[in-house]
C-alpha atoms as a PDB file:
ATOM      1  CA  UNK A   1      75.253 101.648 127.492  1.00  0.00           C
ATOM      2  CA  UNK A   2      78.525 101.263 125.729  1.00  0.00           C
ATOM      3  CA  UNK A   3      81.412 100.729 128.315  1.00  0.00           C
ATOM      4  CA  UNK A   4      84.107 103.351 127.814  1.00  0.00           C
ATOM      5  CA  UNK A   5      86.749 100.820 128.788  1.00  0.00           C
ATOM      6  CA  UNK A   6      86.302  98.719 125.627  1.00  0.00           C
ATOM      7  CA  UNK A   7      87.911 101.376 123.416  1.00  0.00           C
ATOM      8  CA  UNK A   8      91.269 102.981 123.340  1.00  0.00           C
ATOM      9  CA  UNK A   9      90.344 106.623 123.651  1.00  0.00           C
ATOM     10  CA  UNK A  10      93.418 107.953 125.413  1.00  0.00           C
ATOM     11  CA  UNK A  11      95.570 109.017 122.618  1.00  0.00           C
ATOM     12  CA  UNK A  12      94.819 112.738 123.240  1.00  0.00           C
ATOM     13  CA  UNK A  13      94.134 114.453 126.487  1.00  0.00           C
ATOM     14  CA  UNK A  14      90.251 115.190 126.687  1.00  0.00           C
ATOM     15  CA  UNK A  15      89.081 117.975 128.832  1.00  0.00           C
ATOM     16  CA  UNK A  16      85.164 118.546 129.494  1.00  0.00           C
ATOM     17  CA  UNK A  17      84.043 121.979 130.805  1.00  0.00           C
ATOM     18  CA  UNK A  18      80.769 121.895 132.453  1.00  0.00           C
ATOM     19  CA  UNK A  19      79.555 125.264 131.223  1.00  0.00           C
ATOM     20  CA  UNK A  20      78.070 126.685 128.063  1.00  0.00           C
ATOM     21  CA  UNK A  21      80.560 127.807 125.432  1.00  0.00           C
ATOM     22  CA  UNK A  22      80.654 131.412 124.719  1.00  0.00           C
ATOM     23  CA  UNK A  23      81.487 130.882 120.848  1.00  0.00           C
ATOM     24  CA  UNK A  24      84.546 131.268 118.949  1.00  0.00           C
ATOM     25  CA  UNK A  25      86.097 133.673 121.411  1.00  0.00           C
ATOM     26  CA  UNK A  26      85.690 131.358 124.443  1.00  0.00           C
ATOM     27  CA  UNK A  27      88.919 132.085 126.273  1.00  0.00           C
ATOM     28  CA  UNK A  28      88.690 128.817 128.331  1.00  0.00           C
ATOM     29  CA  UNK A  29      88.302 126.724 125.210  1.00  0.00           C
ATOM     30  CA  UNK A  30      91.183 128.584 123.333  1.00  0.00           C
ATOM     31  CA  UNK A  31      93.472 128.373 126.113  1.00  0.00           C
ATOM     32  CA  UNK A  32      92.990 124.530 126.686  1.00  0.00           C
ATOM     33  CA  UNK A  33      92.839 123.655 123.075  1.00  0.00           C
ATOM     34  CA  UNK A  34      96.543 124.133 123.159  1.00  0.00           C
ATOM     35  CA  UNK A  35      96.911 121.005 125.229  1.00  0.00           C
ATOM     36  CA  UNK A  36      94.013 118.708 124.234  1.00  0.00           C
ATOM     37  CA  UNK A  37      90.620 118.228 122.888  1.00  0.00           C
ATOM     38  CA  UNK A  38      88.116 120.544 124.728  1.00  0.00           C
ATOM     39  CA  UNK A  39      84.236 120.057 124.895  1.00  0.00           C
ATOM     40  CA  UNK A  40      81.735 122.293 126.630  1.00  0.00           C
ATOM     41  CA  UNK A  41      78.665 120.882 128.131  1.00  0.00           C
ATOM     42  CA  UNK A  42      75.949 123.130 129.253  1.00  0.00           C
ATOM     43  CA  UNK A  43      74.653 122.157 132.675  1.00  0.00           C
ATOM     44  CA  UNK A  44      72.701 125.396 133.848  1.00  0.00           C
ATOM     45  CA  UNK A  45      69.751 127.311 132.636  1.00  0.00           C
ATOM     46  CA  UNK A  46      68.673 130.595 133.913  1.00  0.00           C
ATOM     47  CA  UNK A  47      65.345 132.265 134.402  1.00  0.00           C
ATOM     48  CA  UNK A  48      65.622 136.015 135.017  1.00  0.00           C
ATOM     49  CA  UNK A  49      63.261 137.769 137.303  1.00  0.00           C
ATOM     50  CA  UNK A  50      62.473 141.072 139.145  1.00  0.00           C
ATOM     51  CA  UNK A  51      63.539 143.010 136.023  1.00  0.00           C
ATOM     52  CA  UNK A  52      61.391 146.046 137.115  1.00  0.00           C
ATOM     53  CA  UNK A  53      62.810 146.045 140.630  1.00  0.00           C
ATOM     54  CA  UNK A  54      66.396 146.013 139.315  1.00  0.00           C
ATOM     55  CA  UNK A  55      65.680 148.667 136.733  1.00  0.00           C
ATOM     56  CA  UNK A  56      64.337 150.999 139.451  1.00  0.00           C
ATOM     57  CA  UNK A  57      67.196 150.312 141.978  1.00  0.00           C
ATOM     58  CA  UNK A  58      69.862 150.906 139.201  1.00  0.00           C
ATOM     59  CA  UNK A  59      68.134 154.062 138.171  1.00  0.00           C
ATOM     60  CA  UNK A  60      68.294 155.377 141.825  1.00  0.00           C
ATOM     61  CA  UNK A  61      72.132 155.436 141.729  1.00  0.00           C
ATOM     62  CA  UNK A  62      72.219 158.273 144.517  1.00  0.00           C
ATOM     63  CA  UNK A  63      70.637 155.693 146.937  1.00  0.00           C
ATOM     64  CA  UNK A  64      73.563 153.404 147.021  1.00  0.00           C
ATOM     65  CA  UNK A  65      77.252 153.404 148.273  1.00  0.00           C
ATOM     66  CA  UNK A  66      78.008 150.651 145.591  1.00  0.00           C
ATOM     67  CA  UNK A  67      76.998 147.453 144.001  1.00  0.00           C
ATOM     68  CA  UNK A  68      77.983 143.735 144.307  1.00  0.00           C
ATOM     69  CA  UNK A  69      78.198 141.202 141.656  1.00  0.00           C
ATOM     70  CA  UNK A  70      79.053 137.604 142.426  1.00  0.00           C
ATOM     71  CA  UNK A  71      78.378 136.060 139.016  1.00  0.00           C
ATOM     72  CA  UNK A  72      78.092 137.011 135.401  1.00  0.00           C
ATOM     73  CA  UNK A  73      74.403 136.224 135.387  1.00  0.00           C
ATOM     74  CA  UNK A  74      73.726 139.022 137.854  1.00  0.00           C
ATOM     75  CA  UNK A  75      75.525 141.404 135.555  1.00  0.00           C
ATOM     76  CA  UNK A  76      73.543 140.050 132.570  1.00  0.00           C
ATOM     77  CA  UNK A  77      70.303 140.726 134.656  1.00  0.00           C
ATOM     78  CA  UNK A  78      71.245 144.294 135.056  1.00  0.00           C
ATOM     79  CA  UNK A  79      71.978 144.587 131.298  1.00  0.00           C
ATOM     80  CA  UNK A  80      68.517 143.041 130.469  1.00  0.00           C
ATOM     81  CA  UNK A  81      66.799 145.549 132.872  1.00  0.00           C
ATOM     82  CA  UNK A  82      68.372 148.610 131.337  1.00  0.00           C
ATOM     83  CA  UNK A  83      66.585 150.545 128.518  1.00  0.00           C
ATOM     84  CA  UNK A  84      68.895 153.562 128.830  1.00  0.00           C
ATOM     85  CA  UNK A  85      72.709 154.005 129.247  1.00  0.00           C
ATOM     86  CA  UNK A  86      73.831 153.389 132.894  1.00  0.00           C
ATOM     87  CA  UNK A  87      74.014 156.670 134.875  1.00  0.00           C
ATOM     88  CA  UNK A  88      77.498 158.168 134.993  1.00  0.00           C
ATOM     89  CA  UNK A  89      77.054 158.500 138.695  1.00  0.00           C
ATOM     90  CA  UNK A  90      77.824 154.881 139.000  1.00  0.00           C
ATOM     91  CA  UNK A  91      81.317 155.486 137.799  1.00  0.00           C
ATOM     92  CA  UNK A  92      81.974 157.215 141.209  1.00  0.00           C
ATOM     93  CA  UNK A  93      80.877 154.240 143.135  1.00  0.00           C
ATOM     94  CA  UNK A  94      82.635 151.008 143.690  1.00  0.00           C
ATOM     95  CA  UNK A  95      81.328 147.788 141.912  1.00  0.00           C
ATOM     96  CA  UNK A  96      82.681 144.758 143.647  1.00  0.00           C
ATOM     97  CA  UNK A  97      82.911 141.591 141.517  1.00  0.00           C
ATOM     98  CA  UNK A  98      84.038 137.972 142.097  1.00  0.00           C
ATOM     99  CA  UNK A  99      86.003 136.804 139.063  1.00  0.00           C
ATOM    100  CA  UNK A 100      87.685 138.657 136.158  1.00  0.00           C
ATOM    101  CA  UNK A 101      84.966 137.573 133.700  1.00  0.00           C
ATOM    102  CA  UNK A 102      82.275 139.005 135.892  1.00  0.00           C
ATOM    103  CA  UNK A 103      84.111 142.215 136.400  1.00  0.00           C
ATOM    104  CA  UNK A 104      84.880 142.575 132.542  1.00  0.00           C
ATOM    105  CA  UNK A 105      81.146 142.216 131.975  1.00  0.00           C
ATOM    106  CA  UNK A 106      80.239 144.885 134.557  1.00  0.00           C
ATOM    107  CA  UNK A 107      82.982 147.264 133.161  1.00  0.00           C
ATOM    108  CA  UNK A 108      81.384 146.916 129.601  1.00  0.00           C
ATOM    109  CA  UNK A 109      78.173 148.434 131.201  1.00  0.00           C
ATOM    110  CA  UNK A 110      80.064 151.273 132.655  1.00  0.00           C
ATOM    111  CA  UNK A 111      80.819 150.121 136.352  1.00  0.00           C
ATOM    112  CA  UNK A 112      84.263 150.673 137.911  1.00  0.00           C
ATOM    113  CA  UNK A 113      85.060 147.136 139.423  1.00  0.00           C
ATOM    114  CA  UNK A 114      87.113 146.087 142.499  1.00  0.00           C
ATOM    115  CA  UNK A 115      87.961 142.737 143.822  1.00  0.00           C
ATOM    116  CA  UNK A 116      88.091 140.673 140.673  1.00  0.00           C
ATOM    117  CA  UNK A 117      91.140 138.924 141.859  1.00  0.00           C
ATOM    118  CA  UNK A 118      89.830 138.091 145.278  1.00  0.00           C
ATOM    119  CA  UNK A 119      88.768 134.603 144.005  1.00  0.00           C
ATOM    120  CA  UNK A 120      85.903 134.037 146.362  1.00  0.00           C
ATOM    121  CA  UNK A 121      83.054 135.463 148.245  1.00  0.00           C
ATOM    122  CA  UNK A 122      84.771 135.451 151.633  1.00  0.00           C
ATOM    123  CA  UNK A 123      87.834 137.570 150.461  1.00  0.00           C
ATOM    124  CA  UNK A 124      85.531 139.802 148.391  1.00  0.00           C
ATOM    125  CA  UNK A 125      83.465 140.531 151.585  1.00  0.00           C
ATOM    126  CA  UNK A 126      86.610 141.272 153.532  1.00  0.00           C
ATOM    127  CA  UNK A 127      87.563 143.803 151.014  1.00  0.00           C
ATOM    128  CA  UNK A 128      83.999 145.272 151.068  1.00  0.00           C
ATOM    129  CA  UNK A 129      84.224 145.531 154.896  1.00  0.00           C
ATOM    130  CA  UNK A 130      87.608 147.240 154.786  1.00  0.00           C
ATOM    131  CA  UNK A 131      86.434 149.866 152.402  1.00  0.00           C
ATOM    132  CA  UNK A 132      82.909 150.489 153.363  1.00  0.00           C
ATOM    133  CA  UNK A 133      83.734 151.178 157.066  1.00  0.00           C
ATOM    134  CA  UNK A 134      85.283 154.380 155.616  1.00  0.00           C
ATOM    135  CA  UNK A 135      82.225 155.731 153.789  1.00  0.00           C
ATOM    136  CA  UNK A 136      78.690 156.866 154.667  1.00  0.00           C
ATOM    137  CA  UNK A 137      76.067 154.453 155.722  1.00  0.00           C
ATOM    138  CA  UNK A 138      74.079 154.144 152.371  1.00  0.00           C
ATOM    139  CA  UNK A 139      73.497 150.573 151.667  1.00  0.00           C
ATOM    140  CA  UNK A 140      75.087 148.537 148.992  1.00  0.00           C
ATOM    141  CA  UNK A 141      73.055 146.849 146.227  1.00  0.00           C
ATOM    142  CA  UNK A 142      73.594 143.215 145.974  1.00  0.00           C
ATOM    143  CA  UNK A 143      72.376 141.537 142.698  1.00  0.00           C
ATOM    144  CA  UNK A 144      72.389 137.743 143.075  1.00  0.00           C
ATOM    145  CA  UNK A 145      70.689 134.457 142.111  1.00  0.00           C
ATOM    146  CA  UNK A 146      68.294 132.460 144.333  1.00  0.00           C
ATOM    147  CA  UNK A 147      71.077 129.897 144.970  1.00  0.00           C
ATOM    148  CA  UNK A 148      73.399 132.430 146.444  1.00  0.00           C
ATOM    149  CA  UNK A 149      75.624 131.211 149.421  1.00  0.00           C
ATOM    150  CA  UNK A 150      75.363 133.118 152.642  1.00  0.00           C
ATOM    151  CA  UNK A 151      79.129 133.755 153.206  1.00  0.00           C
ATOM    152  CA  UNK A 152      78.974 137.284 151.823  1.00  0.00           C
ATOM    153  CA  UNK A 153      75.602 138.494 153.436  1.00  0.00           C
ATOM    154  CA  UNK A 154      76.890 136.893 156.720  1.00  0.00           C
ATOM    155  CA  UNK A 155      80.079 138.879 156.695  1.00  0.00           C
ATOM    156  CA  UNK A 156      78.583 141.970 155.853  1.00  0.00           C
ATOM    157  CA  UNK A 157      75.741 141.695 158.568  1.00  0.00           C
ATOM    158  CA  UNK A 158      78.252 140.832 161.245  1.00  0.00           C
ATOM    159  CA  UNK A 159      80.268 143.960 160.465  1.00  0.00           C
ATOM    160  CA  UNK A 160      77.168 146.065 160.330  1.00  0.00           C
ATOM    161  CA  UNK A 161      77.561 146.990 156.558  1.00  0.00           C
ATOM    162  CA  UNK A 162      74.134 147.827 155.265  1.00  0.00           C
ATOM    163  CA  UNK A 163      72.967 146.248 151.942  1.00  0.00           C
ATOM    164  CA  UNK A 164      69.935 145.273 149.978  1.00  0.00           C
ATOM    165  CA  UNK A 165      69.598 142.143 148.110  1.00  0.00           C
ATOM    166  CA  UNK A 166      67.659 141.706 144.882  1.00  0.00           C
ATOM    167  CA  UNK A 167      67.256 138.112 143.430  1.00  0.00           C
ATOM    168  CA  UNK A 168      67.858 138.547 139.818  1.00  0.00           C
ATOM    169  CA  UNK A 169      67.671 134.960 138.310  1.00  0.00           C
ATOM    170  CA  UNK A 170      66.735 131.467 139.174  1.00  0.00           C
ATOM    171  CA  UNK A 171      69.311 128.716 138.271  1.00  0.00           C
ATOM    172  CA  UNK A 172      67.772 125.419 136.980  1.00  0.00           C
ATOM    173  CA  UNK A 173      69.150 122.368 135.390  1.00  0.00           C
ATOM    174  CA  UNK A 174      69.643 122.376 131.594  1.00  0.00           C
ATOM    175  CA  UNK A 175      67.174 119.732 130.486  1.00  0.00           C
ATOM    176  CA  UNK A 176      69.696 118.330 127.787  1.00  0.00           C
ATOM    177  CA  UNK A 177      72.634 117.989 129.935  1.00  0.00           C
ATOM    178  CA  UNK A 178      72.172 114.210 131.049  1.00  0.00           C
ATOM    179  CA  UNK A 179      71.944 113.078 127.329  1.00  0.00           C
ATOM    180  CA  UNK A 180      74.957 115.306 126.498  1.00  0.00           C
ATOM    181  CA  UNK A 181      77.097 113.480 129.160  1.00  0.00           C
ATOM    182  CA  UNK A 182      75.980 110.071 128.106  1.00  0.00           C
ATOM    183  CA  UNK A 183      76.524 110.812 124.353  1.00  0.00           C
ATOM    184  CA  UNK A 184      79.973 112.326 125.149  1.00  0.00           C
ATOM    185  CA  UNK A 185      81.094 108.989 126.928  1.00  0.00           C
ATOM    186  CA  UNK A 186      79.679 106.687 124.255  1.00  0.00           C
ATOM    187  CA  UNK A 187      81.758 108.672 121.642  1.00  0.00           C
ATOM    188  CA  UNK A 188      84.822 109.640 123.513  1.00  0.00           C
ATOM    189  CA  UNK A 189      85.107 107.483 126.403  1.00  0.00           C
ATOM    190  CA  UNK A 190      86.335 108.684 129.785  1.00  0.00           C
ATOM    191  CA  UNK A 191      87.654 112.212 129.753  1.00  0.00           C
ATOM    192  CA  UNK A 192      91.008 113.055 131.435  1.00  0.00           C
ATOM    193  CA  UNK A 193      89.588 116.156 133.271  1.00  0.00           C
ATOM    194  CA  UNK A 194      85.981 117.166 134.044  1.00  0.00           C
ATOM    195  CA  UNK A 195      85.857 120.836 135.240  1.00  0.00           C
ATOM    196  CA  UNK A 196      83.071 121.976 137.298  1.00  0.00           C
ATOM    197  CA  UNK A 197      82.393 125.820 137.705  1.00  0.00           C
ATOM    198  CA  UNK A 198      79.756 125.932 140.344  1.00  0.00           C
ATOM    199  CA  UNK A 199      78.275 123.996 143.245  1.00  0.00           C
ATOM    200  CA  UNK A 200      74.911 123.802 141.312  1.00  0.00           C
ATOM    201  CA  UNK A 201      76.696 122.464 138.341  1.00  0.00           C
ATOM    202  CA  UNK A 202      78.102 119.793 140.466  1.00  0.00           C
ATOM    203  CA  UNK A 203      74.734 119.069 142.196  1.00  0.00           C
ATOM    204  CA  UNK A 204      72.904 118.911 138.842  1.00  0.00           C
ATOM    205  CA  UNK A 205      74.952 116.587 136.990  1.00  0.00           C
ATOM    206  CA  UNK A 206      77.879 114.747 138.855  1.00  0.00           C
ATOM    207  CA  UNK A 207      75.623 111.803 139.426  1.00  0.00           C
ATOM    208  CA  UNK A 208      75.028 111.452 135.751  1.00  0.00           C
ATOM    209  CA  UNK A 209      78.907 111.312 135.302  1.00  0.00           C
ATOM    210  CA  UNK A 210      78.995 108.557 137.860  1.00  0.00           C
ATOM    211  CA  UNK A 211      76.531 106.614 135.908  1.00  0.00           C
ATOM    212  CA  UNK A 212      77.978 107.148 132.527  1.00  0.00           C
ATOM    213  CA  UNK A 213      81.466 106.249 133.842  1.00  0.00           C
ATOM    214  CA  UNK A 214      80.089 103.412 135.822  1.00  0.00           C
ATOM    215  CA  UNK A 215      81.566 104.903 138.960  1.00  0.00           C
ATOM    216  CA  UNK A 216      85.214 104.386 137.611  1.00  0.00           C
ATOM    217  CA  UNK A 217      87.146 107.751 137.838  1.00  0.00           C
ATOM    218  CA  UNK A 218      90.535 106.005 137.822  1.00  0.00           C
ATOM    219  CA  UNK A 219      91.597 107.754 134.763  1.00  0.00           C
ATOM    220  CA  UNK A 220      89.466 111.017 135.251  1.00  0.00           C
ATOM    221  CA  UNK A 221      90.327 113.752 137.279  1.00  0.00           C
ATOM    222  CA  UNK A 222      87.738 116.323 138.756  1.00  0.00           C
ATOM    223  CA  UNK A 223      88.778 120.090 138.623  1.00  0.00           C
ATOM    224  CA  UNK A 224      86.781 122.661 140.613  1.00  0.00           C
ATOM    225  CA  UNK A 225      86.906 126.358 139.847  1.00  0.00           C
ATOM    226  CA  UNK A 226      87.163 127.806 143.354  1.00  0.00           C
ATOM    227  CA  UNK A 227      86.990 126.471 146.853  1.00  0.00           C
ATOM    228  CA  UNK A 228      83.202 126.820 146.966  1.00  0.00           C
ATOM    229  CA  UNK A 229      82.836 124.505 144.126  1.00  0.00           C
ATOM    230  CA  UNK A 230      85.343 122.119 145.583  1.00  0.00           C
ATOM    231  CA  UNK A 231      83.473 122.083 148.706  1.00  0.00           C
ATOM    232  CA  UNK A 232      80.431 120.737 147.021  1.00  0.00           C
ATOM    233  CA  UNK A 233      82.219 117.407 146.480  1.00  0.00           C
ATOM    234  CA  UNK A 234      82.623 116.983 150.320  1.00  0.00           C
ATOM    235  CA  UNK A 235      80.069 114.222 150.362  1.00  0.00           C
ATOM    236  CA  UNK A 236      82.069 112.309 147.697  1.00  0.00           C
ATOM    237  CA  UNK A 237      85.055 111.128 149.783  1.00  0.00           C
ATOM    238  CA  UNK A 238      86.213 108.614 147.214  1.00  0.00           C
ATOM    239  CA  UNK A 239      86.564 111.377 144.572  1.00  0.00           C
ATOM    240  CA  UNK A 240      89.830 113.220 144.226  1.00  0.00           C
ATOM    241  CA  UNK A 241      89.263 116.929 143.496  1.00  0.00           C
ATOM    242  CA  UNK A 242      91.905 119.470 142.488  1.00  0.00           C
ATOM    243  CA  UNK A 243      91.127 123.149 142.708  1.00  0.00           C
ATOM    244  CA  UNK A 244      91.988 126.042 140.353  1.00  0.00           C
ATOM    245  CA  UNK A 245      93.262 128.900 142.423  1.00  0.00           C
ATOM    246  CA  UNK A 246      91.192 131.575 140.505  1.00  0.00           C
ATOM    247  CA  UNK A 247      88.233 131.590 138.211  1.00  0.00           C
ATOM    248  CA  UNK A 248      90.200 132.153 135.034  1.00  0.00           C
ATOM    249  CA  UNK A 249      91.499 130.162 132.055  1.00  0.00           C
ATOM    250  CA  UNK A 250      95.148 130.690 133.199  1.00  0.00           C
ATOM    251  CA  UNK A 251      94.555 129.121 136.526  1.00  0.00           C
ATOM    252  CA  UNK A 252      92.684 126.125 134.967  1.00  0.00           C
ATOM    253  CA  UNK A 253      95.394 125.624 132.493  1.00  0.00           C
ATOM    254  CA  UNK A 254      97.953 125.557 135.397  1.00  0.00           C
ATOM    255  CA  UNK A 255      96.147 123.054 137.546  1.00  0.00           C
ATOM    256  CA  UNK A 256      95.684 120.717 134.476  1.00  0.00           C
ATOM    257  CA  UNK A 257      99.372 121.121 133.670  1.00  0.00           C
ATOM    258  CA  UNK A 258     100.258 120.157 137.388  1.00  0.00           C
ATOM    259  CA  UNK A 259      98.083 117.115 137.309  1.00  0.00           C
ATOM    260  CA  UNK A 260      98.609 115.926 133.729  1.00  0.00           C
ATOM    261  CA  UNK A 261     100.003 112.355 133.454  1.00  0.00           C
ATOM    262  CA  UNK A 262     100.979 112.645 129.703  1.00  0.00           C
ATOM    263  CA  UNK A 263     104.687 112.976 129.541  1.00  0.00           C
ATOM    264  CA  UNK A 264     106.370 115.830 127.658  1.00  0.00           C
ATOM    265  CA  UNK A 265     102.876 117.226 126.612  1.00  0.00           C
ATOM    266  CA  UNK A 266     103.866 120.736 127.832  1.00  0.00           C
ATOM    267  CA  UNK A 267     107.509 120.770 126.361  1.00  0.00           C
END
């Protein structure tokens, strides 16, 4: 392997996003391109499942008091299961979503979203408890992946908020991510910032970054999107992690600005 320290790669700030790019309109890339060179590396792949179960549940809109999405992939699973437009009855029921991008996808399907600024599952759960205590006892429909954390279900259960869970997708490691990371380091050297968007992203590829950088993170900062992702680094006490307050490009831009060591870059 080529050692990244043999080259002077640090003339421009380099930012790596551990997520698949969404194309020319990628808000993260477009926002961060103003301050550096941005590379997206896809770390996750998704296998959708239970499409018929989701279809039947969504069709029975009068059976639910609302719906919960904690990821864009959950919304995508609903979209894939629909063969007719979303029932207008859903417009009268709350759709609880973590993150602005998740809410935007859900609203494009016809849901009316709440909680997109909550930032994490704990705060979203608290909002749900506050609101659902005032309505009938119909259950909420919780569409999620197999790696969901138990934070939200635990809060709902402790507060006797009924809900039914449907696992809509499985999260697996992108088979090309290790090679992509090694190639990035060989060509570009150590990035200034590596941004992780989920605990599974950290679990699937952080060790590859450790190998590629030969354990040297002295010139590389780790950025976590949200406290849940930051917590996934708890078993890496020697790694300094900074956390974006909210899962959006503006918060990521802000945390990079605060931690940037390039003088006058933002003037």
